[in-house]
PDB file of N, CA and C in Angstrom:
ATOM      1  N   MET A   1    -104.211  63.166 -15.372  1.00  0.00           N
ATOM      2  CA  MET A   1    -104.531  64.452 -14.789  1.00  0.00           C
ATOM      3  C   MET A   1    -105.273  65.280 -15.834  1.00  0.00           C
ATOM      4  N   SER A   2    -106.386  65.863 -15.424  1.00  0.00           N
ATOM      5  CA  SER A   2    -107.184  66.664 -16.354  1.00  0.00           C
ATOM      6  C   SER A   2    -106.619  68.077 -16.449  1.00  0.00           C
ATOM      7  N   ARG A   3    -106.899  68.698 -17.576  1.00  0.00           N
ATOM      8  CA  ARG A   3    -106.431  70.070 -17.760  1.00  0.00           C
ATOM      9  C   ARG A   3    -107.602  71.021 -17.581  1.00  0.00           C
ATOM     10  N   LYS A   4    -107.298  72.235 -17.210  1.00  0.00           N
ATOM     11  CA  LYS A   4    -108.336  73.229 -17.004  1.00  0.00           C
ATOM     12  C   LYS A   4    -108.829  73.764 -18.333  1.00  0.00           C
ATOM     13  N   SER A   5    -110.109  74.024 -18.390  1.00  0.00           N
ATOM     14  CA  SER A   5    -110.697  74.582 -19.597  1.00  0.00           C
ATOM     15  C   SER A   5    -110.274  76.035 -19.757  1.00  0.00           C
ATOM     16  N   GLY A   6    -109.976  76.422 -20.984  1.00  0.00           N
ATOM     17  CA  GLY A   6    -109.611  77.803 -21.259  1.00  0.00           C
ATOM     18  C   GLY A   6    -110.774  78.744 -21.031  1.00  0.00           C
ATOM     19  N   LYS A   7    -111.990  78.268 -21.260  1.00  0.00           N
ATOM     20  CA  LYS A   7    -113.167  79.115 -21.063  1.00  0.00           C
ATOM     21  C   LYS A   7    -113.367  79.431 -19.589  1.00  0.00           C
ATOM     22  N   ILE A   8    -113.093  78.462 -18.737  1.00  0.00           N
ATOM     23  CA  ILE A   8    -113.221  78.723 -17.300  1.00  0.00           C
ATOM     24  C   ILE A   8    -112.215  79.779 -16.879  1.00  0.00           C
ATOM     25  N   MET A   9    -111.027  79.683 -17.407  1.00  0.00           N
ATOM     26  CA  MET A   9    -110.006  80.688 -17.087  1.00  0.00           C
ATOM     27  C   MET A   9    -110.432  82.065 -17.587  1.00  0.00           C
ATOM     28  N   ASP A  10    -111.061  82.117 -18.767  1.00  0.00           N
ATOM     29  CA  ASP A  10    -111.557  83.389 -19.302  1.00  0.00           C
ATOM     30  C   ASP A  10    -112.622  83.988 -18.393  1.00  0.00           C
ATOM     31  N   ILE A  11    -113.520  83.136 -17.906  1.00  0.00           N
ATOM     32  CA  ILE A  11    -114.574  83.616 -17.001  1.00  0.00           C
ATOM     33  C   ILE A  11    -113.957  84.144 -15.715  1.00  0.00           C
ATOM     34  N   GLN A  12    -112.974  83.431 -15.193  1.00  0.00           N
ATOM     35  CA  GLN A  12    -112.324  83.877 -13.961  1.00  0.00           C
ATOM     36  C   GLN A  12    -111.632  85.220 -14.164  1.00  0.00           C
ATOM     37  N   GLU A  13    -110.984  85.396 -15.312  1.00  0.00           N
ATOM     38  CA  GLU A  13    -110.317  86.675 -15.590  1.00  0.00           C
ATOM     39  C   GLU A  13    -111.322  87.812 -15.720  1.00  0.00           C
ATOM     40  N   THR A  14    -112.462  87.530 -16.364  1.00  0.00           N
ATOM     41  CA  THR A  14    -113.500  88.551 -16.509  1.00  0.00           C
ATOM     42  C   THR A  14    -114.040  88.955 -15.142  1.00  0.00           C
ATOM     43  N   LEU A  15    -114.267  87.974 -14.285  1.00  0.00           N
ATOM     44  CA  LEU A  15    -114.762  88.275 -12.951  1.00  0.00           C
ATOM     45  C   LEU A  15    -113.735  89.068 -12.147  1.00  0.00           C
ATOM     46  N   LYS A  16    -112.460  88.771 -12.334  1.00  0.00           N
ATOM     47  CA  LYS A  16    -111.404  89.529 -11.649  1.00  0.00           C
ATOM     48  C   LYS A  16    -111.404  90.989 -12.106  1.00  0.00           C
ATOM     49  N   ASP A  17    -111.693  91.202 -13.399  1.00  0.00           N
ATOM     50  CA  ASP A  17    -111.752  92.574 -13.915  1.00  0.00           C
ATOM     51  C   ASP A  17    -112.818  93.393 -13.198  1.00  0.00           C
ATOM     52  N   TYR A  18    -113.896  92.728 -12.792  1.00  0.00           N
ATOM     53  CA  TYR A  18    -114.988  93.408 -12.091  1.00  0.00           C
ATOM     54  C   TYR A  18    -114.903  93.233 -10.580  1.00  0.00           C
ATOM     55  N   ASN A  19    -113.760  92.752 -10.100  1.00  0.00           N
ATOM     56  CA  ASN A  19    -113.524  92.533  -8.666  1.00  0.00           C
ATOM     57  C   ASN A  19    -114.564  91.616  -8.031  1.00  0.00           C
ATOM     58  N   ILE A  20    -114.919  90.564  -8.741  1.00  0.00           N
ATOM     59  CA  ILE A  20    -115.859  89.562  -8.233  1.00  0.00           C
ATOM     60  C   ILE A  20    -115.118  88.242  -8.182  1.00  0.00           C
ATOM     61  N   SER A  21    -115.137  87.594  -7.033  1.00  0.00           N
ATOM     62  CA  SER A  21    -114.505  86.277  -6.956  1.00  0.00           C
ATOM     63  C   SER A  21    -115.559  85.197  -7.167  1.00  0.00           C
ATOM     64  N   ILE A  22    -115.107  84.035  -7.581  1.00  0.00           N
ATOM     65  CA  ILE A  22    -116.028  82.920  -7.819  1.00  0.00           C
ATOM     66  C   ILE A  22    -116.714  82.535  -6.506  1.00  0.00           C
ATOM     67  N   LYS A  23    -116.008  82.665  -5.404  1.00  0.00           N
ATOM     68  CA  LYS A  23    -116.616  82.345  -4.106  1.00  0.00           C
ATOM     69  C   LYS A  23    -117.775  83.289  -3.798  1.00  0.00           C
ATOM     70  N   ASP A  24    -117.663  84.545  -4.217  1.00  0.00           N
ATOM     71  CA  ASP A  24    -118.750  85.506  -3.995  1.00  0.00           C
ATOM     72  C   ASP A  24    -120.005  85.077  -4.738  1.00  0.00           C
ATOM     73  N   ILE A  25    -119.838  84.609  -5.969  1.00  0.00           N
ATOM     74  CA  ILE A  25    -120.995  84.172  -6.750  1.00  0.00           C
ATOM     75  C   ILE A  25    -121.562  82.890  -6.184  1.00  0.00           C
ATOM     76  N   GLY A  26    -120.686  81.964  -5.817  1.00  0.00           N
ATOM     77  CA  GLY A  26    -121.140  80.680  -5.279  1.00  0.00           C
ATOM     78  C   GLY A  26    -121.892  80.832  -3.975  1.00  0.00           C
ATOM     79  N   ASN A  27    -121.531  81.814  -3.183  1.00  0.00           N
ATOM     80  CA  ASN A  27    -122.189  82.026  -1.895  1.00  0.00           C
ATOM     81  C   ASN A  27    -123.357  82.986  -1.974  1.00  0.00           C
ATOM     82  N   ASN A  28    -123.567  83.598  -3.110  1.00  0.00           N
ATOM     83  CA  ASN A  28    -124.631  84.580  -3.248  1.00  0.00           C
ATOM     84  C   ASN A  28    -125.903  83.908  -3.759  1.00  0.00           C
ATOM     85  N   TYR A  29    -126.534  83.141  -2.894  1.00  0.00           N
ATOM     86  CA  TYR A  29    -127.728  82.387  -3.271  1.00  0.00           C
ATOM     87  C   TYR A  29    -128.899  83.298  -3.602  1.00  0.00           C
ATOM     88  N   ILE A  30    -128.963  84.452  -2.997  1.00  0.00           N
ATOM     89  CA  ILE A  30    -130.069  85.376  -3.260  1.00  0.00           C
ATOM     90  C   ILE A  30    -130.025  85.838  -4.708  1.00  0.00           C
ATOM     91  N   PHE A  31    -128.856  86.190  -5.194  1.00  0.00           N
ATOM     92  CA  PHE A  31    -128.699  86.635  -6.579  1.00  0.00           C
ATOM     93  C   PHE A  31    -129.053  85.514  -7.555  1.00  0.00           C
ATOM     94  N   ILE A  32    -128.509  84.344  -7.343  1.00  0.00           N
ATOM     95  CA  ILE A  32    -128.747  83.220  -8.246  1.00  0.00           C
ATOM     96  C   ILE A  32    -130.206  82.786  -8.191  1.00  0.00           C
ATOM     97  N   ASN A  33    -130.796  82.758  -7.009  1.00  0.00           N
ATOM     98  CA  ASN A  33    -132.205  82.369  -6.886  1.00  0.00           C
ATOM     99  C   ASN A  33    -133.124  83.399  -7.532  1.00  0.00           C
ATOM    100  N   SER A  34    -132.776  84.672  -7.452  1.00  0.00           N
ATOM    101  CA  SER A  34    -133.625  85.682  -8.083  1.00  0.00           C
ATOM    102  C   SER A  34    -133.576  85.557  -9.599  1.00  0.00           C
ATOM    103  N   ILE A  35    -132.410  85.250 -10.154  1.00  0.00           N
ATOM    104  CA  ILE A  35    -132.318  85.016 -11.596  1.00  0.00           C
ATOM    105  C   ILE A  35    -133.140  83.797 -11.973  1.00  0.00           C
ATOM    106  N   SER A  36    -133.037  82.760 -11.190  1.00  0.00           N
ATOM    107  CA  SER A  36    -133.778  81.527 -11.468  1.00  0.00           C
ATOM    108  C   SER A  36    -135.287  81.749 -11.388  1.00  0.00           C
ATOM    109  N   LYS A  37    -135.732  82.517 -10.407  1.00  0.00           N
ATOM    110  CA  LYS A  37    -137.170  82.794 -10.276  1.00  0.00           C
ATOM    111  C   LYS A  37    -137.699  83.609 -11.446  1.00  0.00           C
ATOM    112  N   GLU A  38    -136.925  84.566 -11.905  1.00  0.00           N
ATOM    113  CA  GLU A  38    -137.351  85.369 -13.052  1.00  0.00           C
ATOM    114  C   GLU A  38    -137.377  84.515 -14.323  1.00  0.00           C
ATOM    115  N   ALA A  39    -136.412  83.620 -14.463  1.00  0.00           N
ATOM    116  CA  ALA A  39    -136.377  82.741 -15.634  1.00  0.00           C
ATOM    117  C   ALA A  39    -137.549  81.764 -15.615  1.00  0.00           C
ATOM    118  N   ALA A  40    -138.022  81.409 -14.428  1.00  0.00           N
ATOM    119  CA  ALA A  40    -139.154  80.475 -14.316  1.00  0.00           C
ATOM    120  C   ALA A  40    -140.453  81.104 -14.808  1.00  0.00           C
ATOM    121  N   LYS A  41    -140.505  82.419 -14.887  1.00  0.00           N
ATOM    122  CA  LYS A  41    -141.713  83.105 -15.341  1.00  0.00           C
ATOM    123  C   LYS A  41    -141.920  82.996 -16.848  1.00  0.00           C
ATOM    124  N   VAL A  42    -140.874  82.613 -17.576  1.00  0.00           N
ATOM    125  CA  VAL A  42    -140.973  82.488 -19.030  1.00  0.00           C
ATOM    126  C   VAL A  42    -141.704  81.180 -19.346  1.00  0.00           C
ATOM    127  N   PRO A  43    -142.777  81.248 -20.128  1.00  0.00           N
ATOM    128  CA  PRO A  43    -143.521  80.018 -20.429  1.00  0.00           C
ATOM    129  C   PRO A  43    -142.727  79.095 -21.354  1.00  0.00           C
ATOM    130  N   ASP A  44    -142.819  77.813 -21.075  1.00  0.00           N
ATOM    131  CA  ASP A  44    -142.119  76.801 -21.872  1.00  0.00           C
ATOM    132  C   ASP A  44    -143.151  76.067 -22.721  1.00  0.00           C
ATOM    133  N   TYR A  45    -143.088  76.262 -24.026  1.00  0.00           N
ATOM    134  CA  TYR A  45    -144.064  75.682 -24.934  1.00  0.00           C
ATOM    135  C   TYR A  45    -143.578  74.375 -25.562  1.00  0.00           C
ATOM    136  N   ARG A  46    -142.453  73.869 -25.109  1.00  0.00           N
ATOM    137  CA  ARG A  46    -141.935  72.635 -25.679  1.00  0.00           C
ATOM    138  C   ARG A  46    -142.758  71.437 -25.220  1.00  0.00           C
ATOM    139  N   HIS A  47    -142.793  70.405 -26.041  1.00  0.00           N
ATOM    140  CA  HIS A  47    -143.517  69.188 -25.678  1.00  0.00           C
ATOM    141  C   HIS A  47    -142.713  68.461 -24.591  1.00  0.00           C
ATOM    142  N   PRO A  48    -143.365  68.036 -23.510  1.00  0.00           N
ATOM    143  CA  PRO A  48    -142.645  67.426 -22.388  1.00  0.00           C
ATOM    144  C   PRO A  48    -141.796  66.200 -22.750  1.00  0.00           C
ATOM    145  N   SER A  49    -142.195  65.458 -23.760  1.00  0.00           N
ATOM    146  CA  SER A  49    -141.415  64.268 -24.097  1.00  0.00           C
ATOM    147  C   SER A  49    -140.083  64.611 -24.770  1.00  0.00           C
ATOM    148  N   TYR A  50    -139.943  65.847 -25.254  1.00  0.00           N
ATOM    149  CA  TYR A  50    -138.704  66.269 -25.903  1.00  0.00           C
ATOM    150  C   TYR A  50    -137.827  67.124 -24.989  1.00  0.00           C
ATOM    151  N   VAL A  51    -138.255  67.347 -23.781  1.00  0.00           N
ATOM    152  CA  VAL A  51    -137.522  68.224 -22.862  1.00  0.00           C
ATOM    153  C   VAL A  51    -136.478  67.419 -22.091  1.00  0.00           C
ATOM    154  N   LYS A  52    -135.223  67.819 -22.251  1.00  0.00           N
ATOM    155  CA  LYS A  52    -134.141  67.172 -21.506  1.00  0.00           C
ATOM    156  C   LYS A  52    -133.715  68.047 -20.323  1.00  0.00           C
ATOM    157  N   HIS A  53    -133.792  69.367 -20.515  1.00  0.00           N
ATOM    158  CA  HIS A  53    -133.396  70.317 -19.463  1.00  0.00           C
ATOM    159  C   HIS A  53    -134.513  71.337 -19.277  1.00  0.00           C
ATOM    160  N   LYS A  54    -134.647  71.805 -18.054  1.00  0.00           N
ATOM    161  CA  LYS A  54    -135.661  72.815 -17.768  1.00  0.00           C
ATOM    162  C   LYS A  54    -135.282  74.129 -18.455  1.00  0.00           C
ATOM    163  N   LEU A  55    -136.296  74.796 -18.998  1.00  0.00           N
ATOM    164  CA  LEU A  55    -136.056  76.088 -19.630  1.00  0.00           C
ATOM    165  C   LEU A  55    -135.510  77.083 -18.610  1.00  0.00           C
ATOM    166  N   GLN A  56    -135.985  76.992 -17.406  1.00  0.00           N
ATOM    167  CA  GLN A  56    -135.526  77.859 -16.317  1.00  0.00           C
ATOM    168  C   GLN A  56    -134.008  77.722 -16.135  1.00  0.00           C
ATOM    169  N   ASP A  57    -133.495  76.500 -16.156  1.00  0.00           N
ATOM    170  CA  ASP A  57    -132.060  76.282 -15.989  1.00  0.00           C
ATOM    171  C   ASP A  57    -131.274  76.814 -17.183  1.00  0.00           C
ATOM    172  N   ILE A  58    -131.796  76.585 -18.383  1.00  0.00           N
ATOM    173  CA  ILE A  58    -131.114  77.051 -19.591  1.00  0.00           C
ATOM    174  C   ILE A  58    -131.012  78.573 -19.589  1.00  0.00           C
ATOM    175  N   LEU A  59    -132.108  79.241 -19.270  1.00  0.00           N
ATOM    176  CA  LEU A  59    -132.103  80.704 -19.257  1.00  0.00           C
ATOM    177  C   LEU A  59    -131.188  81.253 -18.165  1.00  0.00           C
ATOM    178  N   SER A  60    -131.182  80.607 -17.005  1.00  0.00           N
ATOM    179  CA  SER A  60    -130.311  81.053 -15.909  1.00  0.00           C
ATOM    180  C   SER A  60    -128.847  80.958 -16.310  1.00  0.00           C
ATOM    181  N   ILE A  61    -128.479  79.854 -16.953  1.00  0.00           N
ATOM    182  CA  ILE A  61    -127.101  79.683 -17.394  1.00  0.00           C
ATOM    183  C   ILE A  61    -126.744  80.729 -18.451  1.00  0.00           C
ATOM    184  N   CYS A  62    -127.669  81.002 -19.355  1.00  0.00           N
ATOM    185  CA  CYS A  62    -127.422  82.015 -20.389  1.00  0.00           C
ATOM    186  C   CYS A  62    -127.229  83.399 -19.779  1.00  0.00           C
ATOM    187  N   ILE A  63    -128.058  83.742 -18.814  1.00  0.00           N
ATOM    188  CA  ILE A  63    -127.946  85.063 -18.173  1.00  0.00           C
ATOM    189  C   ILE A  63    -126.627  85.178 -17.429  1.00  0.00           C
ATOM    190  N   LEU A  64    -126.261  84.151 -16.677  1.00  0.00           N
ATOM    191  CA  LEU A  64    -124.994  84.186 -15.942  1.00  0.00           C
ATOM    192  C   LEU A  64    -123.800  84.205 -16.905  1.00  0.00           C
ATOM    193  N   GLY A  65    -123.918  83.486 -18.011  1.00  0.00           N
ATOM    194  CA  GLY A  65    -122.854  83.518 -19.009  1.00  0.00           C
ATOM    195  C   GLY A  65    -122.719  84.894 -19.649  1.00  0.00           C
ATOM    196  N   PHE A  66    -123.847  85.532 -19.906  1.00  0.00           N
ATOM    197  CA  PHE A  66    -123.827  86.896 -20.447  1.00  0.00           C
ATOM    198  C   PHE A  66    -123.170  87.858 -19.464  1.00  0.00           C
ATOM    199  N   LEU A  67    -123.502  87.720 -18.188  1.00  0.00           N
ATOM    200  CA  LEU A  67    -122.904  88.597 -17.180  1.00  0.00           C
ATOM    201  C   LEU A  67    -121.406  88.349 -17.041  1.00  0.00           C
ATOM    202  N   ALA A  68    -120.968  87.121 -17.333  1.00  0.00           N
ATOM    203  CA  ALA A  68    -119.550  86.792 -17.265  1.00  0.00           C
ATOM    204  C   ALA A  68    -118.834  87.095 -18.567  1.00  0.00           C
ATOM    205  N   ASP A  69    -119.553  87.693 -19.530  1.00  0.00           N
ATOM    206  CA  ASP A  69    -118.993  88.112 -20.805  1.00  0.00           C
ATOM    207  C   ASP A  69    -118.505  86.926 -21.644  1.00  0.00           C
ATOM    208  N   CYS A  70    -119.265  85.809 -21.595  1.00  0.00           N
ATOM    209  CA  CYS A  70    -118.957  84.658 -22.446  1.00  0.00           C
ATOM    210  C   CYS A  70    -119.454  84.955 -23.854  1.00  0.00           C
ATOM    211  N   ASN A  71    -118.748  84.435 -24.836  1.00  0.00           N
ATOM    212  CA  ASN A  71    -119.172  84.705 -26.212  1.00  0.00           C
ATOM    213  C   ASN A  71    -119.389  83.434 -27.023  1.00  0.00           C
ATOM    214  N   GLU A  72    -119.337  82.283 -26.409  1.00  0.00           N
ATOM    215  CA  GLU A  72    -119.567  81.027 -27.119  1.00  0.00           C
ATOM    216  C   GLU A  72    -120.525  80.155 -26.343  1.00  0.00           C
TER     217      GLU A  72
END
């Protein structure tokens, strides 16, 4: 049986502090898509052969992590 990550629990507690449930974020495609579209506007100067993840995805995760008050 796997154990829950402490960081996930921290994110859930932070969202509870702001009265936001995880289901609200998961169902809010407009919010997530707007963040993703804005992140796509940032030019990616990396060489394609060294790219493992899209810059758009990395920036979206960073923005959502910042909004969830993650610090690591």
